[in-house]
């Protein structure tokens, strides 16, 4: 009888362990979302420079435009003159530096640096972007942040880059096709190969025309002739680590009741067998 109880106890404990593992695993799931920069996804206009976007899964995020009047790391970053969404090309940043020159609506580094900032409700990984228009070149710089890098007034680009979780720069993001295909960061090599954003999560993401402050290395002159419009991005919700702090506890009273019921049930069945 004692031997049988030991076997039963071991079996129930194994089942409880498997249940706990499945609960922990459920906390590590992640979700991929697409954010289109087209007017159909605009739910609210918060101001001249901030717009609320809705993903294909119904999640809301904020997008805003930022620019500078010169192409120096020490240039002061300010809110863009205007941010709009085009049905054809997507996001368009109107900077203070390009008021009379084309393309003053593109994300470019013509006379200064243009960037878009995305604020998500939870930390995400940036998987890809779709570049729907480009003039001359299409090199980008990106950065992930835990908090809004423009919360303090008048930061420089270098200060912004220094406050990032990770920054990187990538070349030739534009695919000259009728339907531009996504530029998937995991499939590309960054200008500085040791600095990439694969697997990096942040609640805030900056995406803009190439800016040397974001990769800490020089680049050829072609890196400063970039003008683009982004049609969409894809993100992945950061998976919660399977640590005790994030684990969902299995209710102890319920677990013990099931454990006891299983033992007594099997003991009763064993006893009836021996009486026969």
Foldseek 3Di string as FASTA:
>chain_A
DVVVLVVLLVVLVVVVVVVLVVQLVVLQDKDKWKWFQAPVQFDDDPDQFKTWGAIPVGFIKIKGKKKFQAQDQQTWIDGFPGWHAHNQFGIFTQHPNCPPHPPNGWQALAGIGMKMKMAGPAKWAWFWFFWRDKDLWAKKKKFAAADDLCPDPTGGNLSSLVRTPFMFIFTHQFDPDPGTDIDTQVVGATPPNVGGRVPPIHRMMMMGQDHCSRHVDDDDPSSRGITTGIGMTMIMGGRDDSDPVSGDDDDPVVSVVVSVVSSVVVVVVVVVVVVD
